[in-house]
Amino acid sequence: MATITFEYDAKSEVARKAIDLLVSSGIFKTMSEDVSLSDDTLEAMRELEEGGGQLFEDYEDYEKNILK
């Protein structure tokens, strides 16, 4: 499964009709942007925004430092 995100001028009738045509074909489905994130995920995102977390050169570096 793949996800496609469309960005368009919401005032454009042509764009709206094109998207409506794609959705009405039944090939695609729409998804809401209102995704509920767990408290743990939100906390992890806050930590990353504040400069927390670690960067690794590659998977071997990750294994060496985390998966001891």
N, C-alpha and C. Protein backbone atom coordinates (compact mmCIF):
# COMPACT_ATOMS: atom_id res chain seq x y z
N MET A 1 0.85 -1.17 0.00
CA MET A 1 0.00 0.00 0.00
C MET A 1 0.89 1.23 0.00
N ALA A 2 0.54 2.23 -0.76
CA ALA A 2 1.29 3.48 -0.82
C ALA A 2 0.36 4.63 -0.44
N THR A 3 0.94 5.71 0.01
CA THR A 3 0.19 6.89 0.37
C THR A 3 0.57 8.02 -0.57
N ILE A 4 -0.44 8.71 -1.08
CA ILE A 4 -0.23 9.85 -1.96
C ILE A 4 -0.85 11.06 -1.29
N THR A 5 -0.11 12.15 -1.24
CA THR A 5 -0.63 13.39 -0.67
C THR A 5 -0.74 14.42 -1.78
N PHE A 6 -1.91 15.02 -1.91
CA PHE A 6 -2.13 16.06 -2.91
C PHE A 6 -2.15 17.41 -2.21
N GLU A 7 -1.44 18.35 -2.78
CA GLU A 7 -1.51 19.74 -2.32
C GLU A 7 -2.05 20.55 -3.49
N TYR A 8 -3.13 21.28 -3.25
CA TYR A 8 -3.76 22.02 -4.33
C TYR A 8 -4.47 23.23 -3.77
N ASP A 9 -4.83 24.14 -4.64
CA ASP A 9 -5.60 25.33 -4.26
C ASP A 9 -7.04 24.88 -4.01
N ALA A 10 -7.48 24.98 -2.78
CA ALA A 10 -8.83 24.52 -2.41
C ALA A 10 -9.91 25.30 -3.14
N LYS A 11 -9.57 26.46 -3.68
CA LYS A 11 -10.55 27.26 -4.42
C LYS A 11 -10.66 26.84 -5.87
N SER A 12 -9.75 25.97 -6.32
CA SER A 12 -9.74 25.55 -7.71
C SER A 12 -10.78 24.47 -7.96
N GLU A 13 -11.78 24.81 -8.74
CA GLU A 13 -12.84 23.85 -9.06
C GLU A 13 -12.30 22.70 -9.91
N VAL A 14 -11.36 22.99 -10.79
CA VAL A 14 -10.77 21.95 -11.64
C VAL A 14 -10.01 20.94 -10.77
N ALA A 15 -9.22 21.42 -9.82
CA ALA A 15 -8.48 20.52 -8.94
C ALA A 15 -9.45 19.67 -8.11
N ARG A 16 -10.48 20.29 -7.57
CA ARG A 16 -11.45 19.57 -6.74
C ARG A 16 -12.14 18.48 -7.56
N LYS A 17 -12.53 18.81 -8.80
CA LYS A 17 -13.19 17.82 -9.66
C LYS A 17 -12.25 16.67 -10.01
N ALA A 18 -10.97 16.97 -10.23
CA ALA A 18 -10.00 15.93 -10.56
C ALA A 18 -9.84 14.97 -9.38
N ILE A 19 -9.76 15.52 -8.18
CA ILE A 19 -9.63 14.67 -6.99
C ILE A 19 -10.91 13.88 -6.76
N ASP A 20 -12.06 14.52 -6.93
CA ASP A 20 -13.33 13.80 -6.79
C ASP A 20 -13.43 12.65 -7.78
N LEU A 21 -12.93 12.86 -9.00
CA LEU A 21 -12.94 11.81 -10.00
C LEU A 21 -12.07 10.63 -9.58
N LEU A 22 -10.88 10.92 -9.07
CA LEU A 22 -10.00 9.85 -8.60
C LEU A 22 -10.63 9.07 -7.45
N VAL A 23 -11.20 9.76 -6.50
CA VAL A 23 -11.81 9.09 -5.34
C VAL A 23 -13.05 8.30 -5.77
N SER A 24 -13.85 8.87 -6.63
CA SER A 24 -15.08 8.18 -7.04
C SER A 24 -14.80 6.95 -7.89
N SER A 25 -13.58 6.82 -8.44
CA SER A 25 -13.24 5.65 -9.25
C SER A 25 -13.20 4.38 -8.40
N GLY A 26 -13.04 4.55 -7.09
CA GLY A 26 -12.97 3.39 -6.20
C GLY A 26 -11.57 2.82 -6.07
N ILE A 27 -10.65 3.33 -6.85
CA ILE A 27 -9.26 2.85 -6.79
C ILE A 27 -8.57 3.42 -5.56
N PHE A 28 -8.93 4.63 -5.19
CA PHE A 28 -8.30 5.33 -4.08
C PHE A 28 -9.29 5.50 -2.94
N LYS A 29 -8.76 5.67 -1.75
CA LYS A 29 -9.62 6.01 -0.61
C LYS A 29 -9.03 7.24 0.06
N THR A 30 -9.86 7.98 0.74
CA THR A 30 -9.38 9.17 1.42
C THR A 30 -9.10 8.85 2.88
N MET A 31 -8.18 9.60 3.45
CA MET A 31 -7.82 9.41 4.85
C MET A 31 -7.83 10.78 5.51
N SER A 32 -8.24 10.81 6.73
CA SER A 32 -8.26 12.06 7.48
C SER A 32 -6.86 12.38 7.99
N GLU A 33 -6.56 13.66 8.08
CA GLU A 33 -5.28 14.07 8.65
C GLU A 33 -5.33 14.04 10.17
N ASP A 34 -6.50 13.85 10.73
CA ASP A 34 -6.66 13.81 12.17
C ASP A 34 -6.25 12.44 12.69
N VAL A 35 -4.97 12.29 12.90
CA VAL A 35 -4.42 11.03 13.38
C VAL A 35 -4.12 11.17 14.86
N SER A 36 -4.60 10.23 15.63
CA SER A 36 -4.33 10.26 17.07
C SER A 36 -2.98 9.62 17.34
N LEU A 37 -2.12 10.36 18.00
CA LEU A 37 -0.81 9.85 18.36
C LEU A 37 -0.81 9.50 19.84
N SER A 38 -0.11 8.45 20.18
CA SER A 38 -0.04 8.04 21.59
C SER A 38 0.77 9.06 22.39
N ASP A 39 0.58 9.06 23.68
CA ASP A 39 1.34 9.96 24.56
C ASP A 39 2.84 9.70 24.44
N ASP A 40 3.23 8.43 24.31
CA ASP A 40 4.64 8.08 24.16
C ASP A 40 5.22 8.68 22.88
N THR A 41 4.46 8.60 21.80
CA THR A 41 4.91 9.14 20.52
C THR A 41 5.05 10.65 20.60
N LEU A 42 4.07 11.32 21.22
CA LEU A 42 4.13 12.77 21.36
C LEU A 42 5.33 13.19 22.21
N GLU A 43 5.60 12.46 23.28
CA GLU A 43 6.75 12.75 24.13
C GLU A 43 8.06 12.57 23.35
N ALA A 44 8.14 11.51 22.57
CA ALA A 44 9.35 11.27 21.76
C ALA A 44 9.54 12.40 20.75
N MET A 45 8.46 12.86 20.15
CA MET A 45 8.55 13.96 19.19
C MET A 45 9.02 15.24 19.87
N ARG A 46 8.53 15.50 21.08
CA ARG A 46 8.97 16.68 21.84
C ARG A 46 10.47 16.59 22.15
N GLU A 47 10.91 15.42 22.56
CA GLU A 47 12.34 15.23 22.85
C GLU A 47 13.20 15.51 21.63
N LEU A 48 12.77 15.01 20.47
CA LEU A 48 13.53 15.24 19.24
C LEU A 48 13.57 16.72 18.88
N GLU A 49 12.43 17.41 19.05
CA GLU A 49 12.39 18.84 18.75
C GLU A 49 13.32 19.63 19.66
N GLU A 50 13.52 19.15 20.88
CA GLU A 50 14.38 19.84 21.84
C GLU A 50 15.84 19.41 21.73
N GLY A 51 16.17 18.66 20.71
CA GLY A 51 17.55 18.25 20.48
C GLY A 51 17.92 16.93 21.12
N GLY A 52 16.96 16.23 21.66
CA GLY A 52 17.23 14.92 22.24
C GLY A 52 17.39 13.87 21.16
N GLY A 53 17.70 12.69 21.57
CA GLY A 53 17.86 11.60 20.61
C GLY A 53 19.30 11.46 20.18
N GLN A 54 19.58 10.43 19.43
CA GLN A 54 20.93 10.16 18.95
C GLN A 54 20.90 9.92 17.45
N LEU A 55 21.96 10.34 16.80
CA LEU A 55 22.14 10.06 15.38
C LEU A 55 23.25 9.02 15.24
N PHE A 56 23.09 8.12 14.30
CA PHE A 56 24.06 7.07 14.06
C PHE A 56 24.51 7.12 12.61
N GLU A 57 25.77 6.76 12.40
CA GLU A 57 26.33 6.75 11.05
C GLU A 57 25.65 5.70 10.17
N ASP A 58 25.40 4.54 10.75
CA ASP A 58 24.79 3.45 10.01
C ASP A 58 24.24 2.43 11.01
N TYR A 59 23.69 1.34 10.50
CA TYR A 59 23.09 0.34 11.38
C TYR A 59 24.12 -0.31 12.29
N GLU A 60 25.33 -0.51 11.81
CA GLU A 60 26.37 -1.11 12.64
C GLU A 60 26.69 -0.21 13.83
N ASP A 61 26.74 1.10 13.60
CA ASP A 61 26.97 2.05 14.68
C ASP A 61 25.82 2.01 15.68
N TYR A 62 24.60 1.88 15.18
CA TYR A 62 23.43 1.74 16.04
C TYR A 62 23.54 0.49 16.90
N GLU A 63 23.88 -0.64 16.27
CA GLU A 63 24.04 -1.89 17.02
C GLU A 63 25.09 -1.77 18.10
N LYS A 64 26.20 -1.15 17.76
CA LYS A 64 27.31 -1.03 18.69
C LYS A 64 26.92 -0.19 19.91
N ASN A 65 26.13 0.86 19.71
CA ASN A 65 25.81 1.77 20.80
C ASN A 65 24.50 1.48 21.51
N ILE A 66 23.58 0.84 20.87
CA ILE A 66 22.25 0.62 21.48
C ILE A 66 22.00 -0.84 21.79
N LEU A 67 22.29 -1.71 20.88
CA LEU A 67 21.96 -3.12 21.03
C LEU A 67 23.09 -3.91 21.67
N LYS A 68 23.69 -3.36 22.70
CA LYS A 68 24.83 -4.02 23.37
C LYS A 68 24.39 -5.29 24.05
